[in-house]
Amino acid sequence: MSAYITRVAYDKGYISSDSVSEFSPEELTQSAGHAPASLVFGGNARESSIRARKLLGWSPSRGSIWDEIPQAVESEAARLNVTKKEP
Protein backbone atom coordinates (compact mmCIF):
# COMPACT_ATOMS: atom_id res chain seq x y z
CA MET A 1 0.00 0.00 0.00
CA SER A 2 2.81 2.42 0.81
CA ALA A 3 4.30 1.77 -2.64
CA TYR A 4 0.95 2.59 -4.28
CA ILE A 5 0.45 5.76 -2.23
CA THR A 6 3.98 6.83 -3.11
CA ARG A 7 3.39 6.12 -6.79
CA VAL A 8 0.16 8.15 -6.81
CA ALA A 9 1.86 11.08 -5.05
CA TYR A 10 4.73 10.89 -7.54
CA ASP A 11 2.40 10.66 -10.57
CA LYS A 12 0.47 13.69 -9.29
CA GLY A 13 3.73 15.64 -8.92
CA TYR A 14 3.76 16.04 -5.14
CA ILE A 15 7.02 14.17 -4.59
CA SER A 16 10.15 13.88 -6.71
CA SER A 17 10.73 10.13 -6.43
CA ASP A 18 8.58 7.03 -6.45
CA SER A 19 11.00 4.98 -4.35
CA VAL A 20 9.90 3.60 -0.99
CA SER A 21 12.32 3.05 1.88
CA GLU A 22 12.21 -0.04 4.05
CA PHE A 23 12.92 0.13 7.76
CA SER A 24 14.31 -2.55 10.04
CA PRO A 25 12.31 -3.53 13.15
CA GLU A 26 14.91 -1.69 15.25
CA GLU A 27 14.51 1.51 13.20
CA LEU A 28 10.74 1.32 13.57
CA THR A 29 10.98 0.87 17.32
CA GLN A 30 13.37 3.81 17.61
CA SER A 31 11.14 6.00 15.44
CA ALA A 32 7.89 5.06 17.19
CA GLY A 33 9.34 5.17 20.68
CA HIS A 34 7.77 1.91 21.77
CA ALA A 35 8.26 -1.79 21.19
CA PRO A 36 7.27 -3.85 19.29
CA ALA A 37 6.66 -1.17 16.68
CA SER A 38 7.32 -3.65 13.88
CA LEU A 39 4.09 -5.45 14.81
CA VAL A 40 2.10 -2.23 14.54
CA PHE A 41 3.67 -0.91 11.34
CA GLY A 42 4.31 -4.26 9.68
CA GLY A 43 1.05 -5.95 10.49
CA ASN A 44 -1.15 -7.43 7.85
CA ALA A 45 -4.76 -7.59 8.98
CA ARG A 46 -7.29 -8.78 6.43
CA GLU A 47 -10.97 -9.00 7.13
CA SER A 48 -13.83 -10.25 5.04
CA SER A 49 -16.82 -9.01 7.07
CA ILE A 50 -18.42 -12.44 7.28
CA ARG A 51 -20.42 -11.61 10.42
CA ALA A 52 -21.62 -8.26 9.10
CA ARG A 53 -22.69 -9.85 5.83
CA LYS A 54 -24.31 -12.90 7.40
CA LEU A 55 -25.89 -11.49 10.54
CA LEU A 56 -26.68 -7.93 9.49
CA GLY A 57 -27.13 -8.33 5.77
CA TRP A 58 -24.43 -5.75 5.14
CA SER A 59 -22.98 -5.42 1.70
CA PRO A 60 -20.18 -3.08 0.64
CA SER A 61 -21.54 -0.29 -1.51
CA ARG A 62 -18.48 1.86 -2.15
CA GLY A 63 -15.20 1.32 -3.93
CA SER A 64 -12.19 -0.34 -2.40
CA ILE A 65 -9.53 1.46 -0.39
CA TRP A 66 -7.36 1.44 -3.51
CA ASP A 67 -9.99 3.59 -5.25
CA GLU A 68 -9.82 6.12 -2.40
CA ILE A 69 -6.05 6.63 -2.40
CA PRO A 70 -5.80 9.19 -5.24
CA GLN A 71 -8.38 11.40 -3.54
CA ALA A 72 -6.70 10.91 -0.15
CA VAL A 73 -3.36 12.01 -1.63
CA GLU A 74 -5.01 15.14 -3.05
CA SER A 75 -6.75 15.85 0.25
CA GLU A 76 -3.59 15.44 2.32
CA ALA A 77 -1.55 17.57 -0.08
CA ALA A 78 -4.12 20.35 0.26
CA ARG A 79 -4.30 19.96 4.04
CA LEU A 80 -0.51 20.13 4.33
CA ASN A 81 -0.28 22.92 1.75
CA VAL A 82 2.03 20.82 -0.45
CA THR A 83 2.54 22.15 -3.95
CA LYS A 84 3.38 20.14 -7.01
CA LYS A 85 7.04 19.77 -7.92
CA GLU A 86 8.37 21.27 -11.14
CA PRO A 87 9.02 18.63 -13.84
PDB file of N, CA and C in Angstrom:
ATOM      1  N   MET A   1       0.825  -1.182   0.000  1.00  0.00           N
ATOM      2  CA  MET A   1       0.000   0.000   0.000  1.00  0.00           C
ATOM      3  C   MET A   1       0.872   1.250   0.000  1.00  0.00           C
ATOM      4  N   SER A   2       1.942   1.238   0.780  1.00  0.00           N
ATOM      5  CA  SER A   2       2.808   2.417   0.812  1.00  0.00           C
ATOM      6  C   SER A   2       3.424   2.670  -0.559  1.00  0.00           C
ATOM      7  N   ALA A   3       3.745   1.602  -1.282  1.00  0.00           N
ATOM      8  CA  ALA A   3       4.304   1.773  -2.635  1.00  0.00           C
ATOM      9  C   ALA A   3       3.272   2.407  -3.566  1.00  0.00           C
ATOM     10  N   TYR A   4       2.001   2.015  -3.430  1.00  0.00           N
ATOM     11  CA  TYR A   4       0.952   2.586  -4.281  1.00  0.00           C
ATOM     12  C   TYR A   4       0.699   4.058  -3.937  1.00  0.00           C
ATOM     13  N   ILE A   5       0.646   4.371  -2.651  1.00  0.00           N
ATOM     14  CA  ILE A   5       0.454   5.758  -2.225  1.00  0.00           C
ATOM     15  C   ILE A   5       1.595   6.620  -2.756  1.00  0.00           C
ATOM     16  N   THR A   6       2.805   6.107  -2.618  1.00  0.00           N
ATOM     17  CA  THR A   6       3.978   6.835  -3.112  1.00  0.00           C
ATOM     18  C   THR A   6       3.890   7.043  -4.613  1.00  0.00           C
ATOM     19  N   ARG A   7       3.488   6.018  -5.336  1.00  0.00           N
ATOM     20  CA  ARG A   7       3.386   6.116  -6.793  1.00  0.00           C
ATOM     21  C   ARG A   7       2.339   7.156  -7.200  1.00  0.00           C
ATOM     22  N   VAL A   8       1.209   7.169  -6.514  1.00  0.00           N
ATOM     23  CA  VAL A   8       0.163   8.152  -6.811  1.00  0.00           C
ATOM     24  C   VAL A   8       0.671   9.563  -6.527  1.00  0.00           C
ATOM     25  N   ALA A   9       1.325   9.762  -5.390  1.00  0.00           N
ATOM     26  CA  ALA A   9       1.858  11.084  -5.046  1.00  0.00           C
ATOM     27  C   ALA A   9       2.910  11.521  -6.068  1.00  0.00           C
ATOM     28  N   TYR A  10       3.720  10.593  -6.527  1.00  0.00           N
ATOM     29  CA  TYR A  10       4.729  10.889  -7.544  1.00  0.00           C
ATOM     30  C   TYR A  10       4.060  11.239  -8.884  1.00  0.00           C
ATOM     31  N   ASP A  11       3.106  10.420  -9.301  1.00  0.00           N
ATOM     32  CA  ASP A  11       2.398  10.664 -10.567  1.00  0.00           C
ATOM     33  C   ASP A  11       1.668  12.004 -10.559  1.00  0.00           C
ATOM     34  N   LYS A  12       1.182  12.418  -9.404  1.00  0.00           N
ATOM     35  CA  LYS A  12       0.474  13.694  -9.292  1.00  0.00           C
ATOM     36  C   LYS A  12       1.435  14.870  -9.139  1.00  0.00           C
ATOM     37  N   GLY A  13       2.732  14.594  -8.992  1.00  0.00           N
ATOM     38  CA  GLY A  13       3.728  15.643  -8.923  1.00  0.00           C
ATOM     39  C   GLY A  13       3.997  16.212  -7.541  1.00  0.00           C
ATOM     40  N   TYR A  14       3.541  15.536  -6.493  1.00  0.00           N
ATOM     41  CA  TYR A  14       3.756  16.043  -5.138  1.00  0.00           C
ATOM     42  C   TYR A  14       5.114  15.663  -4.561  1.00  0.00           C
ATOM     43  N   ILE A  15       5.712  14.601  -5.052  1.00  0.00           N
ATOM     44  CA  ILE A  15       7.023  14.172  -4.588  1.00  0.00           C
ATOM     45  C   ILE A  15       7.914  13.917  -5.794  1.00  0.00           C
ATOM     46  N   SER A  16       9.215  13.962  -5.581  1.00  0.00           N
ATOM     47  CA  SER A  16      10.147  13.884  -6.705  1.00  0.00           C
ATOM     48  C   SER A  16      10.668  12.486  -6.990  1.00  0.00           C
ATOM     49  N   SER A  17      10.271  11.494  -6.206  1.00  0.00           N
ATOM     50  CA  SER A  17      10.726  10.128  -6.432  1.00  0.00           C
ATOM     51  C   SER A  17       9.604   9.158  -6.077  1.00  0.00           C
ATOM     52  N   ASP A  18       9.589   8.039  -6.778  1.00  0.00           N
ATOM     53  CA  ASP A  18       8.581   7.025  -6.455  1.00  0.00           C
ATOM     54  C   ASP A  18       9.187   5.860  -5.669  1.00  0.00           C
ATOM     55  N   SER A  19      10.374   6.053  -5.123  1.00  0.00           N
ATOM     56  CA  SER A  19      10.997   4.978  -4.351  1.00  0.00           C
ATOM     57  C   SER A  19      10.455   4.976  -2.921  1.00  0.00           C
ATOM     58  N   VAL A  20      10.400   3.790  -2.349  1.00  0.00           N
ATOM     59  CA  VAL A  20       9.903   3.599  -0.993  1.00  0.00           C
ATOM     60  C   VAL A  20      11.021   2.993  -0.168  1.00  0.00           C
ATOM     61  N   SER A  21      11.271   3.560   0.991  1.00  0.00           N
ATOM     62  CA  SER A  21      12.315   3.047   1.884  1.00  0.00           C
ATOM     63  C   SER A  21      11.757   1.965   2.786  1.00  0.00           C
ATOM     64  N   GLU A  22      12.581   0.993   3.089  1.00  0.00           N
ATOM     65  CA  GLU A  22      12.206  -0.043   4.045  1.00  0.00           C
ATOM     66  C   GLU A  22      12.963   0.200   5.336  1.00  0.00           C
ATOM     67  N   PHE A  23      12.321  -0.069   6.455  1.00  0.00           N
ATOM     68  CA  PHE A  23      12.925   0.131   7.758  1.00  0.00           C
ATOM     69  C   PHE A  23      13.056  -1.199   8.477  1.00  0.00           C
ATOM     70  N   SER A  24      14.124  -1.346   9.229  1.00  0.00           N
ATOM     71  CA  SER A  24      14.308  -2.550  10.044  1.00  0.00           C
ATOM     72  C   SER A  24      13.395  -2.452  11.264  1.00  0.00           C
ATOM     73  N   PRO A  25      13.112  -3.581  11.918  1.00  0.00           N
ATOM     74  CA  PRO A  25      12.310  -3.525  13.147  1.00  0.00           C
ATOM     75  C   PRO A  25      12.921  -2.596  14.199  1.00  0.00           C
ATOM     76  N   GLU A  26      14.239  -2.565  14.273  1.00  0.00           N
ATOM     77  CA  GLU A  26      14.913  -1.691  15.246  1.00  0.00           C
ATOM     78  C   GLU A  26      14.674  -0.219  14.909  1.00  0.00           C
ATOM     79  N   GLU A  27      14.751   0.119  13.621  1.00  0.00           N
ATOM     80  CA  GLU A  27      14.508   1.507  13.204  1.00  0.00           C
ATOM     81  C   GLU A  27      13.070   1.917  13.492  1.00  0.00           C
ATOM     82  N   LEU A  28      12.137   1.016  13.274  1.00  0.00           N
ATOM     83  CA  LEU A  28      10.736   1.320  13.571  1.00  0.00           C
ATOM     84  C   LEU A  28      10.526   1.561  15.056  1.00  0.00           C
ATOM     85  N   THR A  29      11.113   0.715  15.876  1.00  0.00           N
ATOM     86  CA  THR A  29      10.980   0.870  17.320  1.00  0.00           C
ATOM     87  C   THR A  29      11.571   2.192  17.783  1.00  0.00           C
ATOM     88  N   GLN A  30      12.731   2.543  17.247  1.00  0.00           N
ATOM     89  CA  GLN A  30      13.371   3.807  17.613  1.00  0.00           C
ATOM     90  C   GLN A  30      12.511   4.993  17.167  1.00  0.00           C
ATOM     91  N   SER A  31      11.964   4.916  15.983  1.00  0.00           N
ATOM     92  CA  SER A  31      11.144   5.997  15.441  1.00  0.00           C
ATOM     93  C   SER A  31       9.833   6.147  16.209  1.00  0.00           C
ATOM     94  N   ALA A  32       9.194   5.031  16.517  1.00  0.00           N
ATOM     95  CA  ALA A  32       7.894   5.063  17.187  1.00  0.00           C
ATOM     96  C   ALA A  32       8.016   5.322  18.677  1.00  0.00           C
ATOM     97  N   GLY A  33       9.151   4.954  19.256  1.00  0.00           N
ATOM     98  CA  GLY A  33       9.344   5.172  20.682  1.00  0.00           C
ATOM     99  C   GLY A  33       8.748   4.095  21.562  1.00  0.00           C
ATOM    100  N   HIS A  34       8.286   3.023  20.971  1.00  0.00           N
ATOM    101  CA  HIS A  34       7.770   1.907  21.770  1.00  0.00           C
ATOM    102  C   HIS A  34       8.003   0.596  21.033  1.00  0.00           C
ATOM    103  N   ALA A  35       8.082  -0.459  21.784  1.00  0.00           N
ATOM    104  CA  ALA A  35       8.261  -1.793  21.186  1.00  0.00           C
ATOM    105  C   ALA A  35       6.958  -2.545  21.339  1.00  0.00           C
ATOM    106  N   PRO A  36       6.638  -3.457  20.548  1.00  0.00           N
ATOM    107  CA  PRO A  36       7.265  -3.849  19.289  1.00  0.00           C
ATOM    108  C   PRO A  36       6.616  -3.099  18.124  1.00  0.00           C
ATOM    109  N   ALA A  37       7.201  -2.009  17.744  1.00  0.00           N
ATOM    110  CA  ALA A  37       6.661  -1.165  16.678  1.00  0.00           C
ATOM    111  C   ALA A  37       6.520  -1.922  15.369  1.00  0.00           C
ATOM    112  N   SER A  38       7.391  -2.907  15.128  1.00  0.00           N
ATOM    113  CA  SER A  38       7.322  -3.651  13.875  1.00  0.00           C
ATOM    114  C   SER A  38       5.999  -4.407  13.750  1.00  0.00           C
ATOM    115  N   LEU A  39       5.393  -4.778  14.879  1.00  0.00           N
ATOM    116  CA  LEU A  39       4.089  -5.446  14.814  1.00  0.00           C
ATOM    117  C   LEU A  39       2.984  -4.471  14.428  1.00  0.00           C
ATOM    118  N   VAL A  40       3.117  -3.237  14.868  1.00  0.00           N
ATOM    119  CA  VAL A  40       2.104  -2.227  14.544  1.00  0.00           C
ATOM    120  C   VAL A  40       2.239  -1.782  13.091  1.00  0.00           C
ATOM    121  N   PHE A  41       3.444  -1.437  12.691  1.00  0.00           N
ATOM    122  CA  PHE A  41       3.669  -0.910  11.344  1.00  0.00           C
ATOM    123  C   PHE A  41       3.737  -1.997  10.284  1.00  0.00           C
ATOM    124  N   GLY A  42       4.133  -3.198  10.669  1.00  0.00           N
ATOM    125  CA  GLY A  42       4.312  -4.255   9.681  1.00  0.00           C
ATOM    126  C   GLY A  42       3.199  -5.271   9.680  1.00  0.00           C
ATOM    127  N   GLY A  43       2.142  -4.995  10.408  1.00  0.00           N
ATOM    128  CA  GLY A  43       1.053  -5.951  10.491  1.00  0.00           C
ATOM    129  C   GLY A  43       0.285  -6.078   9.186  1.00  0.00           C
ATOM    130  N   ASN A  44      -0.362  -7.189   9.033  1.00  0.00           N
ATOM    131  CA  ASN A  44      -1.153  -7.433   7.846  1.00  0.00           C
ATOM    132  C   ASN A  44      -2.488  -8.015   8.299  1.00  0.00           C
ATOM    133  N   ALA A  45      -3.451  -7.152   8.525  1.00  0.00           N
ATOM    134  CA  ALA A  45      -4.759  -7.587   8.979  1.00  0.00           C
ATOM    135  C   ALA A  45      -5.736  -7.555   7.807  1.00  0.00           C
ATOM    136  N   ARG A  46      -6.303  -8.695   7.516  1.00  0.00           N
ATOM    137  CA  ARG A  46      -7.287  -8.779   6.435  1.00  0.00           C
ATOM    138  C   ARG A  46      -8.600  -9.291   7.010  1.00  0.00           C
ATOM    139  N   GLU A  47      -9.643  -8.629   6.645  1.00  0.00           N
ATOM    140  CA  GLU A  47     -10.970  -9.001   7.133  1.00  0.00           C
ATOM    141  C   GLU A  47     -11.905  -9.189   5.952  1.00  0.00           C
ATOM    142  N   SER A  48     -12.886 -10.046   6.128  1.00  0.00           N
ATOM    143  CA  SER A  48     -13.833 -10.255   5.038  1.00  0.00           C
ATOM    144  C   SER A  48     -15.273  -9.932   5.429  1.00  0.00           C
ATOM    145  N   SER A  49     -15.494  -9.452   6.625  1.00  0.00           N
ATOM    146  CA  SER A  49     -16.818  -9.008   7.072  1.00  0.00           C
ATOM    147  C   SER A  49     -17.877 -10.098   7.025  1.00  0.00           C
ATOM    148  N   ILE A  50     -17.482 -11.315   7.346  1.00  0.00           N
ATOM    149  CA  ILE A  50     -18.423 -12.436   7.282  1.00  0.00           C
ATOM    150  C   ILE A  50     -19.601 -12.214   8.218  1.00  0.00           C
ATOM    151  N   ARG A  51     -19.327 -11.807   9.465  1.00  0.00           N
ATOM    152  CA  ARG A  51     -20.422 -11.605  10.422  1.00  0.00           C
ATOM    153  C   ARG A  51     -21.347 -10.487   9.979  1.00  0.00           C
ATOM    154  N   ALA A  52     -20.780  -9.383   9.531  1.00  0.00           N
ATOM    155  CA  ALA A  52     -21.618  -8.259   9.099  1.00  0.00           C
ATOM    156  C   ALA A  52     -22.478  -8.654   7.908  1.00  0.00           C
ATOM    157  N   ARG A  53     -21.917  -9.414   7.006  1.00  0.00           N
ATOM    158  CA  ARG A  53     -22.689  -9.848   5.834  1.00  0.00           C
ATOM    159  C   ARG A  53     -23.773 -10.837   6.224  1.00  0.00           C
ATOM    160  N   LYS A  54     -23.398 -11.822   7.048  1.00  0.00           N
ATOM    161  CA  LYS A  54     -24.314 -12.904   7.400  1.00  0.00           C
ATOM    162  C   LYS A  54     -25.387 -12.468   8.393  1.00  0.00           C
ATOM    163  N   LEU A  55     -24.962 -11.816   9.475  1.00  0.00           N
ATOM    164  CA  LEU A  55     -25.894 -11.486  10.542  1.00  0.00           C
ATOM    165  C   LEU A  55     -26.669 -10.198  10.311  1.00  0.00           C
ATOM    166  N   LEU A  56     -26.033  -9.225   9.666  1.00  0.00           N
ATOM    167  CA  LEU A  56     -26.675  -7.927   9.491  1.00  0.00           C
ATOM    168  C   LEU A  56     -27.132  -7.661   8.063  1.00  0.00           C
ATOM    169  N   GLY A  57     -26.758  -8.540   7.165  1.00  0.00           N
ATOM    170  CA  GLY A  57     -27.131  -8.332   5.772  1.00  0.00           C
ATOM    171  C   GLY A  57     -26.370  -7.195   5.102  1.00  0.00           C
ATOM    172  N   TRP A  58     -25.226  -6.839   5.689  1.00  0.00           N
ATOM    173  CA  TRP A  58     -24.425  -5.745   5.144  1.00  0.00           C
ATOM    174  C   TRP A  58     -23.757  -6.152   3.845  1.00  0.00           C
ATOM    175  N   SER A  59     -23.672  -5.202   2.959  1.00  0.00           N
ATOM    176  CA  SER A  59     -22.978  -5.421   1.697  1.00  0.00           C
ATOM    177  C   SER A  59     -22.211  -4.153   1.356  1.00  0.00           C
ATOM    178  N   PRO A  60     -20.938  -4.280   0.976  1.00  0.00           N
ATOM    179  CA  PRO A  60     -20.177  -3.077   0.641  1.00  0.00           C
ATOM    180  C   PRO A  60     -20.807  -2.356  -0.546  1.00  0.00           C
ATOM    181  N   SER A  61     -20.888  -1.046  -0.438  1.00  0.00           N
ATOM    182  CA  SER A  61     -21.543  -0.286  -1.509  1.00  0.00           C
ATOM    183  C   SER A  61     -20.630   0.761  -2.126  1.00  0.00           C
ATOM    184  N   ARG A  62     -19.419   0.869  -1.619  1.00  0.00           N
ATOM    185  CA  ARG A  62     -18.477   1.857  -2.154  1.00  0.00           C
ATOM    186  C   ARG A  62     -17.271   1.132  -2.730  1.00  0.00           C
ATOM    187  N   GLY A  63     -16.402   1.889  -3.356  1.00  0.00           N
ATOM    188  CA  GLY A  63     -15.200   1.324  -3.932  1.00  0.00           C
ATOM    189  C   GLY A  63     -14.244   0.814  -2.870  1.00  0.00           C
ATOM    190  N   SER A  64     -13.189   0.202  -3.321  1.00  0.00           N
ATOM    191  CA  SER A  64     -12.193  -0.336  -2.397  1.00  0.00           C
ATOM    192  C   SER A  64     -11.293   0.791  -1.889  1.00  0.00           C
ATOM    193  N   ILE A  65     -10.462   0.464  -0.927  1.00  0.00           N
ATOM    194  CA  ILE A  65      -9.532   1.457  -0.393  1.00  0.00           C
ATOM    195  C   ILE A  65      -8.580   1.940  -1.483  1.00  0.00           C
ATOM    196  N   TRP A  66      -8.254   1.070  -2.418  1.00  0.00           N
ATOM    197  CA  TRP A  66      -7.361   1.436  -3.514  1.00  0.00           C
ATOM    198  C   TRP A  66      -7.983   2.547  -4.361  1.00  0.00           C
ATOM    199  N   ASP A  67      -9.291   2.538  -4.495  1.00  0.00           N
ATOM    200  CA  ASP A  67      -9.988   3.586  -5.251  1.00  0.00           C
ATOM    201  C   ASP A  67      -9.951   4.929  -4.529  1.00  0.00           C
ATOM    202  N   GLU A  68      -9.802   4.907  -3.212  1.00  0.00           N
ATOM    203  CA  GLU A  68      -9.819   6.116  -2.403  1.00  0.00           C
ATOM    204  C   GLU A  68      -8.460   6.817  -2.323  1.00  0.00           C
ATOM    205  N   ILE A  69      -7.395   6.092  -2.601  1.00  0.00           N
ATOM    206  CA  ILE A  69      -6.050   6.633  -2.395  1.00  0.00           C
ATOM    207  C   ILE A  69      -5.768   7.887  -3.221  1.00  0.00           C
ATOM    208  N   PRO A  70      -6.083   7.942  -4.512  1.00  0.00           N
ATOM    209  CA  PRO A  70      -5.797   9.191  -5.240  1.00  0.00           C
ATOM    210  C   PRO A  70      -6.462  10.418  -4.620  1.00  0.00           C
ATOM    211  N   GLN A  71      -7.698  10.287  -4.177  1.00  0.00           N
ATOM    212  CA  GLN A  71      -8.377  11.404  -3.536  1.00  0.00           C
ATOM    213  C   GLN A  71      -7.759  11.715  -2.178  1.00  0.00           C
ATOM    214  N   ALA A  72      -7.341  10.689  -1.456  1.00  0.00           N
ATOM    215  CA  ALA A  72      -6.701  10.907  -0.153  1.00  0.00           C
ATOM    216  C   ALA A  72      -5.374  11.643  -0.316  1.00  0.00           C
ATOM    217  N   VAL A  73      -4.625  11.308  -1.360  1.00  0.00           N
ATOM    218  CA  VAL A  73      -3.363  12.010  -1.625  1.00  0.00           C
ATOM    219  C   VAL A  73      -3.640  13.480  -1.914  1.00  0.00           C
ATOM    220  N   GLU A  74      -4.635  13.758  -2.745  1.00  0.00           N
ATOM    221  CA  GLU A  74      -5.006  15.144  -3.052  1.00  0.00           C
ATOM    222  C   GLU A  74      -5.434  15.886  -1.787  1.00  0.00           C
ATOM    223  N   SER A  75      -6.248  15.236  -0.974  1.00  0.00           N
ATOM    224  CA  SER A  75      -6.755  15.849   0.251  1.00  0.00           C
ATOM    225  C   SER A  75      -5.620  16.164   1.231  1.00  0.00           C
ATOM    226  N   GLU A  76      -4.711  15.220   1.410  1.00  0.00           N
ATOM    227  CA  GLU A  76      -3.590  15.438   2.320  1.00  0.00           C
ATOM    228  C   GLU A  76      -2.645  16.508   1.799  1.00  0.00           C
ATOM    229  N   ALA A  77      -2.417  16.532   0.498  1.00  0.00           N
ATOM    230  CA  ALA A  77      -1.549  17.568  -0.080  1.00  0.00           C
ATOM    231  C   ALA A  77      -2.150  18.947   0.178  1.00  0.00           C
ATOM    232  N   ALA A  78      -3.456  19.070   0.003  1.00  0.00           N
ATOM    233  CA  ALA A  78      -4.123  20.346   0.258  1.00  0.00           C
ATOM    234  C   ALA A  78      -4.068  20.709   1.739  1.00  0.00           C
ATOM    235  N   ARG A  79      -4.313  19.718   2.595  1.00  0.00           N
ATOM    236  CA  ARG A  79      -4.298  19.959   4.039  1.00  0.00           C
ATOM    237  C   ARG A  79      -2.920  20.398   4.518  1.00  0.00           C
ATOM    238  N   LEU A  80      -1.882  19.817   3.938  1.00  0.00           N
ATOM    239  CA  LEU A  80      -0.508  20.132   4.326  1.00  0.00           C
ATOM    240  C   LEU A  80       0.090  21.280   3.517  1.00  0.00           C
ATOM    241  N   ASN A  81      -0.713  21.823   2.610  1.00  0.00           N
ATOM    242  CA  ASN A  81      -0.280  22.925   1.747  1.00  0.00           C
ATOM    243  C   ASN A  81       0.953  22.546   0.917  1.00  0.00           C
ATOM    244  N   VAL A  82       0.948  21.323   0.380  1.00  0.00           N
ATOM    245  CA  VAL A  82       2.034  20.818  -0.449  1.00  0.00           C
ATOM    246  C   VAL A  82       1.743  21.206  -1.892  1.00  0.00           C
ATOM    247  N   THR A  83       2.712  21.785  -2.540  1.00  0.00           N
ATOM    248  CA  THR A  83       2.536  22.155  -3.949  1.00  0.00           C
ATOM    249  C   THR A  83       3.221  21.126  -4.824  1.00  0.00           C
ATOM    250  N   LYS A  84       2.807  21.079  -6.065  1.00  0.00           N
ATOM    251  CA  LYS A  84       3.380  20.143  -7.011  1.00  0.00           C
ATOM    252  C   LYS A  84       4.791  20.552  -7.377  1.00  0.00           C
ATOM    253  N   LYS A  85       5.646  19.551  -7.552  1.00  0.00           N
ATOM    254  CA  LYS A  85       7.041  19.774  -7.916  1.00  0.00           C
ATOM    255  C   LYS A  85       7.128  20.146  -9.397  1.00  0.00           C
ATOM    256  N   GLU A  86       8.124  20.922  -9.733  1.00  0.00           N
ATOM    257  CA  GLU A  86       8.369  21.273 -11.139  1.00  0.00           C
ATOM    258  C   GLU A  86       8.931  20.049 -11.853  1.00  0.00           C
ATOM    259  N   PRO A  87       8.501  19.790 -13.106  1.00  0.00           N
ATOM    260  CA  PRO A  87       9.015  18.626 -13.840  1.00  0.00           C
ATOM    261  C   PRO A  87      10.472  18.776 -14.214  1.00  0.00           C
TER     262      PRO A  87
END
